[in-house]
Amino acid sequence: MDFFADYSTGWLLGLALSLMVTGIIAGLMAGLLGVGGGIVIVPVLYHLFTFLGIDEAVRMHVAVGTSLATIIPTSIISSRSHYNRGSLDPGILKKLIPGVIIGVAIGAILSGVLSGQVLTAIFAVIALLVALNMAFKKDGFSVRDGLPGPAGSGALGVFIGGVSTLMGIGGGTLSVPILSALRVPMINAVGTGAAMGFVISVPGAMAFLFNGIGVEARPPLTLGYVNLIGLALIVPATMLMAPVGARIAHAINASLLKQLFALFLFITSLRMFYGIVM
């Protein structure tokens, strides 16, 4: 705990408040857009760990592992809310989950061998693509009607599960735009994406926990690559706000919010690219 002795009480209180606000925003986004709170949590934790001087070798791993752990309760609350409102499609889940599980396993293995810089680059690239999709995708754009056959659905599941695990996100960030492009109604895409977060976050968090055991230079109170301080402060806020976001999703047009969130992701992506090259 000597690590925290270098910081004033006011600074530490500010850190705690930042983590709780992160949880509030992440919970709202999880319920409202189905993007998964990880797309907010990972960059915030990454920047906080940077300010704290956490070693670059473990900084992104701890951000991703902690994010996946926080998504577990959030995804349960959010998916339950969507299921109760009829916006979770079990048929889509049944087609995608086998591939998602395989993808999570692949992502879990890669997470143990990839460097922090590679994980950061993966997050930055996908965040940039998601931001561009949110900002510029035209309403009504589609690739086809419904999911492809078993092989195609399996491949989509592997992609969603693998990349989401490496990024520390719940799956909705990728599954919602993909399902929308397959002409799945947006409200069903959001609800189904929320449920997919649980399938991804549980094994993903366990993988980062085990991969980080015994690794040097991790922040204090970190179990494997899961930081317990961040977990304790973020989770209550996300659990409180996820059902609120789900209710709002059924009541408003989220177009403006999507544009603002796309801007946030764009800036985050550029900041991460800057951190890699400098």
C-alpha atoms as a PDB file:
ATOM      1  CA  MET A   1       0.000   0.000   0.000  1.00  0.00           C
ATOM      2  CA  ASP A   2       3.058   2.290   0.027  1.00  0.00           C
ATOM      3  CA  PHE A   3       2.193   2.984  -3.611  1.00  0.00           C
ATOM      4  CA  PHE A   4      -0.681   5.261  -2.565  1.00  0.00           C
ATOM      5  CA  ALA A   5       1.444   7.205  -0.070  1.00  0.00           C
ATOM      6  CA  ASP A   6       2.750   9.303  -2.963  1.00  0.00           C
ATOM      7  CA  TYR A   7      -0.719  10.794  -3.555  1.00  0.00           C
ATOM      8  CA  SER A   8      -2.788  13.219  -1.465  1.00  0.00           C
ATOM      9  CA  THR A   9      -6.118  12.305   0.061  1.00  0.00           C
ATOM     10  CA  GLY A  10      -7.880  14.696  -2.314  1.00  0.00           C
ATOM     11  CA  TRP A  11      -6.236  13.097  -5.328  1.00  0.00           C
ATOM     12  CA  LEU A  12      -7.243   9.596  -4.191  1.00  0.00           C
ATOM     13  CA  LEU A  13     -10.820  10.759  -3.592  1.00  0.00           C
ATOM     14  CA  GLY A  14     -10.825  12.167  -7.109  1.00  0.00           C
ATOM     15  CA  LEU A  15      -9.624   8.808  -8.418  1.00  0.00           C
ATOM     16  CA  ALA A  16     -12.414   7.010  -6.556  1.00  0.00           C
ATOM     17  CA  LEU A  17     -15.007   9.459  -7.884  1.00  0.00           C
ATOM     18  CA  SER A  18     -13.666   9.016 -11.425  1.00  0.00           C
ATOM     19  CA  LEU A  19     -14.077   5.251 -11.158  1.00  0.00           C
ATOM     20  CA  MET A  20     -17.637   5.549  -9.859  1.00  0.00           C
ATOM     21  CA  VAL A  21     -18.589   8.008 -12.610  1.00  0.00           C
ATOM     22  CA  THR A  22     -17.044   5.576 -15.096  1.00  0.00           C
ATOM     23  CA  GLY A  23     -19.334   2.882 -13.728  1.00  0.00           C
ATOM     24  CA  ILE A  24     -22.398   5.130 -14.079  1.00  0.00           C
ATOM     25  CA  ILE A  25     -21.598   5.927 -17.724  1.00  0.00           C
ATOM     26  CA  ALA A  26     -20.699   2.314 -18.495  1.00  0.00           C
ATOM     27  CA  GLY A  27     -23.949   1.025 -17.014  1.00  0.00           C
ATOM     28  CA  LEU A  28     -26.026   3.519 -18.975  1.00  0.00           C
ATOM     29  CA  MET A  29     -24.240   2.634 -22.214  1.00  0.00           C
ATOM     30  CA  ALA A  30     -24.642  -1.087 -21.566  1.00  0.00           C
ATOM     31  CA  GLY A  31     -28.398  -0.755 -21.202  1.00  0.00           C
ATOM     32  CA  LEU A  32     -28.990   2.023 -23.711  1.00  0.00           C
ATOM     33  CA  LEU A  33     -26.840   1.068 -26.699  1.00  0.00           C
ATOM     34  CA  GLY A  34     -25.943  -2.541 -25.892  1.00  0.00           C
ATOM     35  CA  VAL A  35     -22.292  -1.675 -26.530  1.00  0.00           C
ATOM     36  CA  GLY A  36     -21.053  -3.116 -23.255  1.00  0.00           C
ATOM     37  CA  GLY A  37     -19.539  -1.006 -20.522  1.00  0.00           C
ATOM     38  CA  GLY A  38     -16.045  -2.177 -21.407  1.00  0.00           C
ATOM     39  CA  ILE A  39     -15.784   0.246 -24.315  1.00  0.00           C
ATOM     40  CA  VAL A  40     -15.899   3.003 -21.654  1.00  0.00           C
ATOM     41  CA  ILE A  41     -14.146   1.227 -18.785  1.00  0.00           C
ATOM     42  CA  VAL A  42     -11.032   0.071 -20.647  1.00  0.00           C
ATOM     43  CA  PRO A  43      -9.871   3.478 -21.928  1.00  0.00           C
ATOM     44  CA  VAL A  44     -10.643   5.186 -18.600  1.00  0.00           C
ATOM     45  CA  LEU A  45      -8.682   2.575 -16.635  1.00  0.00           C
ATOM     46  CA  TYR A  46      -5.885   2.722 -19.200  1.00  0.00           C
ATOM     47  CA  HIS A  47      -5.559   6.504 -18.748  1.00  0.00           C
ATOM     48  CA  LEU A  48      -5.850   6.300 -14.948  1.00  0.00           C
ATOM     49  CA  PHE A  49      -3.127   3.656 -14.816  1.00  0.00           C
ATOM     50  CA  THR A  50      -1.001   5.864 -17.061  1.00  0.00           C
ATOM     51  CA  PHE A  51      -1.382   8.806 -14.656  1.00  0.00           C
ATOM     52  CA  LEU A  52      -0.548   6.496 -11.744  1.00  0.00           C
ATOM     53  CA  GLY A  53       2.654   5.391 -13.468  1.00  0.00           C
ATOM     54  CA  ILE A  54       1.682   1.726 -13.813  1.00  0.00           C
ATOM     55  CA  ASP A  55       4.192  -0.190 -15.936  1.00  0.00           C
ATOM     56  CA  GLU A  56       3.221  -0.176 -19.624  1.00  0.00           C
ATOM     57  CA  ALA A  57       3.883  -3.919 -19.786  1.00  0.00           C
ATOM     58  CA  VAL A  58       0.838  -4.668 -17.601  1.00  0.00           C
ATOM     59  CA  ARG A  59      -1.240  -1.469 -17.916  1.00  0.00           C
ATOM     60  CA  MET A  60      -3.536  -2.631 -20.721  1.00  0.00           C
ATOM     61  CA  HIS A  61      -3.775  -6.197 -19.418  1.00  0.00           C
ATOM     62  CA  VAL A  62      -5.088  -4.951 -16.053  1.00  0.00           C
ATOM     63  CA  ALA A  63      -7.503  -2.529 -17.750  1.00  0.00           C
ATOM     64  CA  VAL A  64      -8.917  -5.316 -19.933  1.00  0.00           C
ATOM     65  CA  GLY A  65      -9.059  -7.931 -17.159  1.00  0.00           C
ATOM     66  CA  THR A  66     -10.759  -5.537 -14.733  1.00  0.00           C
ATOM     67  CA  SER A  67     -13.229  -4.464 -17.397  1.00  0.00           C
ATOM     68  CA  LEU A  68     -14.232  -8.053 -18.191  1.00  0.00           C
ATOM     69  CA  ALA A  69     -14.819  -8.715 -14.479  1.00  0.00           C
ATOM     70  CA  THR A  70     -17.072  -5.657 -14.138  1.00  0.00           C
ATOM     71  CA  ILE A  71     -19.125  -6.707 -17.170  1.00  0.00           C
ATOM     72  CA  ILE A  72     -20.277  -9.956 -15.513  1.00  0.00           C
ATOM     73  CA  PRO A  73     -22.874  -8.404 -13.147  1.00  0.00           C
ATOM     74  CA  THR A  74     -23.698  -5.603 -15.581  1.00  0.00           C
ATOM     75  CA  SER A  75     -24.536  -8.045 -18.362  1.00  0.00           C
ATOM     76  CA  ILE A  76     -26.769 -10.075 -16.038  1.00  0.00           C
ATOM     77  CA  ILE A  77     -28.788  -7.026 -14.982  1.00  0.00           C
ATOM     78  CA  SER A  78     -28.940  -5.525 -18.479  1.00  0.00           C
ATOM     79  CA  SER A  79     -29.908  -8.764 -20.257  1.00  0.00           C
ATOM     80  CA  ARG A  80     -32.578  -9.526 -17.641  1.00  0.00           C
ATOM     81  CA  SER A  81     -34.084  -6.073 -18.185  1.00  0.00           C
ATOM     82  CA  HIS A  82     -34.151  -6.562 -21.959  1.00  0.00           C
ATOM     83  CA  TYR A  83     -35.551 -10.102 -21.629  1.00  0.00           C
ATOM     84  CA  ASN A  84     -38.397  -8.840 -19.438  1.00  0.00           C
ATOM     85  CA  ARG A  85     -39.196  -6.266 -22.151  1.00  0.00           C
ATOM     86  CA  GLY A  86     -39.104  -8.852 -24.933  1.00  0.00           C
ATOM     87  CA  SER A  87     -36.049  -7.460 -26.711  1.00  0.00           C
ATOM     88  CA  LEU A  88     -33.702 -10.431 -26.192  1.00  0.00           C
ATOM     89  CA  ASP A  89     -33.830 -12.923 -29.074  1.00  0.00           C
ATOM     90  CA  PRO A  90     -32.949 -16.469 -27.852  1.00  0.00           C
ATOM     91  CA  GLY A  91     -32.872 -17.753 -31.458  1.00  0.00           C
ATOM     92  CA  ILE A  92     -30.010 -15.439 -32.386  1.00  0.00           C
ATOM     93  CA  LEU A  93     -28.109 -16.336 -29.229  1.00  0.00           C
ATOM     94  CA  LYS A  94     -28.454 -20.040 -29.995  1.00  0.00           C
ATOM     95  CA  LYS A  95     -26.875 -19.552 -33.420  1.00  0.00           C
ATOM     96  CA  LEU A  96     -23.991 -17.360 -32.255  1.00  0.00           C
ATOM     97  CA  ILE A  97     -23.014 -18.728 -28.844  1.00  0.00           C
ATOM     98  CA  PRO A  98     -21.023 -21.817 -30.028  1.00  0.00           C
ATOM     99  CA  GLY A  99     -18.769 -19.615 -32.141  1.00  0.00           C
ATOM    100  CA  VAL A 100     -18.567 -16.984 -29.404  1.00  0.00           C
ATOM    101  CA  ILE A 101     -17.314 -19.584 -26.914  1.00  0.00           C
ATOM    102  CA  ILE A 102     -14.621 -20.736 -29.348  1.00  0.00           C
ATOM    103  CA  GLY A 103     -13.638 -17.107 -29.960  1.00  0.00           C
ATOM    104  CA  VAL A 104     -13.381 -16.421 -26.226  1.00  0.00           C
ATOM    105  CA  ALA A 105     -11.081 -19.435 -25.842  1.00  0.00           C
ATOM    106  CA  ILE A 106      -8.845 -18.155 -28.650  1.00  0.00           C
ATOM    107  CA  GLY A 107      -8.817 -14.657 -27.154  1.00  0.00           C
ATOM    108  CA  ALA A 108      -8.002 -16.055 -23.710  1.00  0.00           C
ATOM    109  CA  ILE A 109      -4.976 -17.935 -25.056  1.00  0.00           C
ATOM    110  CA  LEU A 110      -3.734 -14.916 -27.019  1.00  0.00           C
ATOM    111  CA  SER A 111      -4.176 -12.616 -24.010  1.00  0.00           C
ATOM    112  CA  GLY A 112      -1.485 -14.583 -22.202  1.00  0.00           C
ATOM    113  CA  VAL A 113       1.127 -14.079 -24.915  1.00  0.00           C
ATOM    114  CA  LEU A 114       0.393 -10.692 -26.511  1.00  0.00           C
ATOM    115  CA  SER A 115       2.212  -7.607 -25.230  1.00  0.00           C
ATOM    116  CA  GLY A 116       0.472  -4.602 -23.708  1.00  0.00           C
ATOM    117  CA  GLN A 117       1.226  -2.550 -26.803  1.00  0.00           C
ATOM    118  CA  VAL A 118      -0.434  -5.111 -29.063  1.00  0.00           C
ATOM    119  CA  LEU A 119      -3.554  -5.186 -26.866  1.00  0.00           C
ATOM    120  CA  THR A 120      -3.634  -1.390 -26.917  1.00  0.00           C
ATOM    121  CA  ALA A 121      -3.321  -1.355 -30.708  1.00  0.00           C
ATOM    122  CA  ILE A 122      -6.164  -3.885 -31.067  1.00  0.00           C
ATOM    123  CA  PHE A 123      -8.413  -1.757 -28.862  1.00  0.00           C
ATOM    124  CA  ALA A 124      -7.490   1.451 -30.696  1.00  0.00           C
ATOM    125  CA  VAL A 125      -8.177  -0.016 -34.154  1.00  0.00           C
ATOM    126  CA  ILE A 126     -11.530  -1.584 -33.231  1.00  0.00           C
ATOM    127  CA  ALA A 127     -12.621   1.511 -31.288  1.00  0.00           C
ATOM    128  CA  LEU A 128     -11.863   3.645 -34.346  1.00  0.00           C
ATOM    129  CA  LEU A 129     -13.866   1.328 -36.621  1.00  0.00           C
ATOM    130  CA  VAL A 130     -16.803   1.306 -34.187  1.00  0.00           C
ATOM    131  CA  ALA A 131     -16.701   5.112 -33.970  1.00  0.00           C
ATOM    132  CA  LEU A 132     -16.762   5.455 -37.762  1.00  0.00           C
ATOM    133  CA  ASN A 133     -19.626   2.971 -37.987  1.00  0.00           C
ATOM    134  CA  MET A 134     -21.644   4.856 -35.379  1.00  0.00           C
ATOM    135  CA  ALA A 135     -20.956   8.242 -36.936  1.00  0.00           C
ATOM    136  CA  PHE A 136     -21.451   7.507 -40.625  1.00  0.00           C
ATOM    137  CA  LYS A 137     -23.587   4.395 -41.064  1.00  0.00           C
ATOM    138  CA  LYS A 138     -26.755   5.292 -42.913  1.00  0.00           C
ATOM    139  CA  ASP A 139     -30.104   4.300 -41.468  1.00  0.00           C
ATOM    140  CA  GLY A 140     -31.466   1.229 -43.169  1.00  0.00           C
ATOM    141  CA  PHE A 141     -28.032  -0.035 -44.266  1.00  0.00           C
ATOM    142  CA  SER A 142     -27.961  -3.829 -44.418  1.00  0.00           C
ATOM    143  CA  VAL A 143     -25.899  -6.671 -45.811  1.00  0.00           C
ATOM    144  CA  ARG A 144     -28.617  -9.311 -45.887  1.00  0.00           C
ATOM    145  CA  ASP A 145     -31.807 -10.400 -44.150  1.00  0.00           C
ATOM    146  CA  GLY A 146     -31.035 -12.426 -41.039  1.00  0.00           C
ATOM    147  CA  LEU A 147     -28.009 -14.402 -39.936  1.00  0.00           C
ATOM    148  CA  PRO A 148     -26.105 -16.540 -42.454  1.00  0.00           C
ATOM    149  CA  GLY A 149     -26.001 -20.342 -42.241  1.00  0.00           C
ATOM    150  CA  PRO A 150     -24.294 -22.334 -39.461  1.00  0.00           C
ATOM    151  CA  ALA A 151     -20.774 -21.802 -40.827  1.00  0.00           C
ATOM    152  CA  GLY A 152     -21.257 -18.064 -41.327  1.00  0.00           C
ATOM    153  CA  SER A 153     -22.913 -17.605 -37.931  1.00  0.00           C
ATOM    154  CA  GLY A 154     -20.112 -19.603 -36.330  1.00  0.00           C
ATOM    155  CA  ALA A 155     -17.476 -17.380 -37.945  1.00  0.00           C
ATOM    156  CA  LEU A 156     -19.285 -14.252 -36.744  1.00  0.00           C
ATOM    157  CA  GLY A 157     -19.416 -15.704 -33.232  1.00  0.00           C
ATOM    158  CA  VAL A 158     -15.688 -16.504 -33.244  1.00  0.00           C
ATOM    159  CA  PHE A 159     -14.874 -12.956 -34.370  1.00  0.00           C
ATOM    160  CA  ILE A 160     -17.143 -11.348 -31.758  1.00  0.00           C
ATOM    161  CA  GLY A 161     -15.933 -13.578 -28.920  1.00  0.00           C
ATOM    162  CA  GLY A 162     -12.225 -13.414 -29.745  1.00  0.00           C
ATOM    163  CA  VAL A 163     -11.903  -9.685 -30.369  1.00  0.00           C
ATOM    164  CA  SER A 164     -14.211  -8.784 -27.466  1.00  0.00           C
ATOM    165  CA  THR A 165     -12.086 -10.827 -25.052  1.00  0.00           C
ATOM    166  CA  LEU A 166      -8.871  -9.146 -26.192  1.00  0.00           C
ATOM    167  CA  MET A 167     -10.506  -5.707 -25.919  1.00  0.00           C
ATOM    168  CA  GLY A 168     -12.177  -6.298 -22.552  1.00  0.00           C
ATOM    169  CA  ILE A 169     -15.656  -5.525 -23.886  1.00  0.00           C
ATOM    170  CA  GLY A 170     -18.921  -7.370 -23.519  1.00  0.00           C
ATOM    171  CA  GLY A 171     -19.598  -8.176 -27.134  1.00  0.00           C
ATOM    172  CA  GLY A 172     -22.384  -5.697 -27.810  1.00  0.00           C
ATOM    173  CA  THR A 173     -19.896  -3.228 -29.271  1.00  0.00           C
ATOM    174  CA  LEU A 174     -19.380  -5.639 -32.156  1.00  0.00           C
ATOM    175  CA  SER A 175     -22.594  -7.665 -32.173  1.00  0.00           C
ATOM    176  CA  VAL A 176     -25.015  -4.711 -32.251  1.00  0.00           C
ATOM    177  CA  PRO A 177     -23.701  -3.160 -35.511  1.00  0.00           C
ATOM    178  CA  ILE A 178     -23.278  -6.625 -37.042  1.00  0.00           C
ATOM    179  CA  LEU A 179     -26.819  -7.709 -36.160  1.00  0.00           C
ATOM    180  CA  SER A 180     -28.164  -4.344 -37.290  1.00  0.00           C
ATOM    181  CA  ALA A 181     -26.468  -4.844 -40.670  1.00  0.00           C
ATOM    182  CA  LEU A 182     -28.269  -8.212 -40.854  1.00  0.00           C
ATOM    183  CA  ARG A 183     -31.595  -6.397 -40.455  1.00  0.00           C
ATOM    184  CA  VAL A 184     -32.190  -7.519 -36.902  1.00  0.00           C
ATOM    185  CA  PRO A 185     -34.357  -4.792 -35.269  1.00  0.00           C
ATOM    186  CA  MET A 186     -32.118  -2.457 -33.266  1.00  0.00           C
ATOM    187  CA  ILE A 187     -33.918  -3.047 -29.979  1.00  0.00           C
ATOM    188  CA  ASN A 188     -33.423  -6.821 -30.412  1.00  0.00           C
ATOM    189  CA  ALA A 189     -29.788  -6.344 -31.395  1.00  0.00           C
ATOM    190  CA  VAL A 190     -29.196  -4.317 -28.220  1.00  0.00           C
ATOM    191  CA  GLY A 191     -30.912  -6.841 -25.949  1.00  0.00           C
ATOM    192  CA  THR A 192     -29.183  -9.823 -27.536  1.00  0.00           C
ATOM    193  CA  GLY A 193     -25.811  -8.040 -27.374  1.00  0.00           C
ATOM    194  CA  ALA A 194     -26.301  -7.457 -23.654  1.00  0.00           C
ATOM    195  CA  ALA A 195     -26.858 -11.186 -23.084  1.00  0.00           C
ATOM    196  CA  MET A 196     -23.802 -12.054 -25.159  1.00  0.00           C
ATOM    197  CA  GLY A 197     -21.736  -9.992 -22.732  1.00  0.00           C
ATOM    198  CA  PHE A 198     -22.244 -12.592 -20.015  1.00  0.00           C
ATOM    199  CA  VAL A 199     -21.071 -15.416 -22.271  1.00  0.00           C
ATOM    200  CA  ILE A 200     -17.899 -13.467 -23.068  1.00  0.00           C
ATOM    201  CA  SER A 201     -17.075 -11.836 -19.735  1.00  0.00           C
ATOM    202  CA  VAL A 202     -17.107 -14.853 -17.410  1.00  0.00           C
ATOM    203  CA  PRO A 203     -14.471 -17.021 -19.159  1.00  0.00           C
ATOM    204  CA  GLY A 204     -12.640 -13.916 -20.367  1.00  0.00           C
ATOM    205  CA  ALA A 205     -12.244 -12.507 -16.860  1.00  0.00           C
ATOM    206  CA  MET A 206     -11.134 -15.901 -15.535  1.00  0.00           C
ATOM    207  CA  ALA A 207      -8.477 -16.104 -18.252  1.00  0.00           C
ATOM    208  CA  PHE A 208      -7.039 -12.678 -17.400  1.00  0.00           C
ATOM    209  CA  LEU A 209      -7.144 -13.537 -13.710  1.00  0.00           C
ATOM    210  CA  PHE A 210      -5.080 -16.703 -14.180  1.00  0.00           C
ATOM    211  CA  ASN A 211      -2.759 -15.224 -16.831  1.00  0.00           C
ATOM    212  CA  GLY A 212      -1.752 -12.415 -14.478  1.00  0.00           C
ATOM    213  CA  ILE A 213      -0.929 -14.477 -11.388  1.00  0.00           C
ATOM    214  CA  GLY A 214       2.642 -13.803 -10.287  1.00  0.00           C
ATOM    215  CA  VAL A 215       3.301 -11.136 -12.942  1.00  0.00           C
ATOM    216  CA  GLU A 216       5.487  -8.274 -11.704  1.00  0.00           C
ATOM    217  CA  ALA A 217       4.652  -4.528 -11.667  1.00  0.00           C
ATOM    218  CA  ARG A 218       0.876  -4.888 -11.286  1.00  0.00           C
ATOM    219  CA  PRO A 219      -1.039  -2.211  -9.326  1.00  0.00           C
ATOM    220  CA  PRO A 220      -1.754  -2.821  -5.615  1.00  0.00           C
ATOM    221  CA  LEU A 221      -4.763  -4.995  -4.764  1.00  0.00           C
ATOM    222  CA  THR A 222      -4.754  -6.718  -8.153  1.00  0.00           C
ATOM    223  CA  LEU A 223      -5.686 -10.391  -8.421  1.00  0.00           C
ATOM    224  CA  GLY A 224      -4.128 -11.707 -11.604  1.00  0.00           C
ATOM    225  CA  TYR A 225      -4.945  -8.939 -14.058  1.00  0.00           C
ATOM    226  CA  VAL A 226      -8.154  -7.933 -12.210  1.00  0.00           C
ATOM    227  CA  ASN A 227      -7.812  -4.800 -10.076  1.00  0.00           C
ATOM    228  CA  LEU A 228     -10.040  -5.201  -7.029  1.00  0.00           C
ATOM    229  CA  ILE A 229     -10.258  -1.454  -6.281  1.00  0.00           C
ATOM    230  CA  GLY A 230     -11.596  -0.670  -9.741  1.00  0.00           C
ATOM    231  CA  LEU A 231     -13.931  -3.668  -9.542  1.00  0.00           C
ATOM    232  CA  ALA A 232     -15.357  -2.598  -6.163  1.00  0.00           C
ATOM    233  CA  LEU A 233     -15.994   0.999  -7.233  1.00  0.00           C
ATOM    234  CA  ILE A 234     -17.262   0.444 -10.773  1.00  0.00           C
ATOM    235  CA  VAL A 235     -19.572  -2.561 -10.361  1.00  0.00           C
ATOM    236  CA  PRO A 236     -22.195  -1.027  -7.993  1.00  0.00           C
ATOM    237  CA  ALA A 237     -22.632   1.951 -10.322  1.00  0.00           C
ATOM    238  CA  THR A 238     -22.947  -0.207 -13.442  1.00  0.00           C
ATOM    239  CA  MET A 239     -25.479  -2.524 -11.799  1.00  0.00           C
ATOM    240  CA  LEU A 240     -27.528   0.474 -10.695  1.00  0.00           C
ATOM    241  CA  MET A 241     -27.515   2.224 -14.068  1.00  0.00           C
ATOM    242  CA  ALA A 242     -27.795  -0.692 -16.571  1.00  0.00           C
ATOM    243  CA  PRO A 243     -31.573  -1.154 -16.103  1.00  0.00           C
ATOM    244  CA  VAL A 244     -32.009   2.627 -16.301  1.00  0.00           C
ATOM    245  CA  GLY A 245     -30.260   2.590 -19.664  1.00  0.00           C
ATOM    246  CA  ALA A 246     -32.456  -0.290 -20.831  1.00  0.00           C
ATOM    247  CA  ARG A 247     -35.601   1.692 -19.937  1.00  0.00           C
ATOM    248  CA  ILE A 248     -34.293   4.775 -21.740  1.00  0.00           C
ATOM    249  CA  ALA A 249     -33.558   2.643 -24.826  1.00  0.00           C
ATOM    250  CA  HIS A 250     -37.265   1.945 -25.145  1.00  0.00           C
ATOM    251  CA  ALA A 251     -38.247   5.574 -24.714  1.00  0.00           C
ATOM    252  CA  ILE A 252     -35.921   7.794 -26.776  1.00  0.00           C
ATOM    253  CA  ASN A 253     -34.210   8.141 -30.126  1.00  0.00           C
ATOM    254  CA  ALA A 254     -30.544   7.537 -29.332  1.00  0.00           C
ATOM    255  CA  SER A 255     -29.171   9.056 -32.561  1.00  0.00           C
ATOM    256  CA  LEU A 256     -27.525  12.085 -30.912  1.00  0.00           C
ATOM    257  CA  LEU A 257     -26.098   9.957 -28.124  1.00  0.00           C
ATOM    258  CA  LYS A 258     -24.556   7.637 -30.707  1.00  0.00           C
ATOM    259  CA  GLN A 259     -22.860  10.582 -32.395  1.00  0.00           C
ATOM    260  CA  LEU A 260     -21.429  11.849 -29.108  1.00  0.00           C
ATOM    261  CA  PHE A 261     -20.274   8.382 -28.135  1.00  0.00           C
ATOM    262  CA  ALA A 262     -18.648   7.971 -31.550  1.00  0.00           C
ATOM    263  CA  LEU A 263     -16.696  11.186 -30.899  1.00  0.00           C
ATOM    264  CA  PHE A 264     -15.561   9.836 -27.524  1.00  0.00           C
ATOM    265  CA  LEU A 265     -14.350   6.611 -29.137  1.00  0.00           C
ATOM    266  CA  PHE A 266     -12.582   8.506 -31.921  1.00  0.00           C
ATOM    267  CA  ILE A 267     -10.662  10.668 -29.453  1.00  0.00           C
ATOM    268  CA  THR A 268      -9.866   7.631 -27.280  1.00  0.00           C
ATOM    269  CA  SER A 269      -8.536   5.726 -30.280  1.00  0.00           C
ATOM    270  CA  LEU A 270      -6.291   8.605 -31.343  1.00  0.00           C
ATOM    271  CA  ARG A 271      -4.977   8.968 -27.775  1.00  0.00           C
ATOM    272  CA  MET A 272      -4.086   5.273 -27.649  1.00  0.00           C
ATOM    273  CA  PHE A 273      -2.363   5.406 -31.044  1.00  0.00           C
ATOM    274  CA  TYR A 274      -0.373   8.402 -29.770  1.00  0.00           C
ATOM    275  CA  GLY A 275       0.657   6.439 -26.680  1.00  0.00           C
ATOM    276  CA  ILE A 276       1.889   3.564 -28.840  1.00  0.00           C
ATOM    277  CA  VAL A 277       4.053   5.587 -31.221  1.00  0.00           C
ATOM    278  CA  MET A 278       5.455   8.090 -28.703  1.00  0.00           C
END
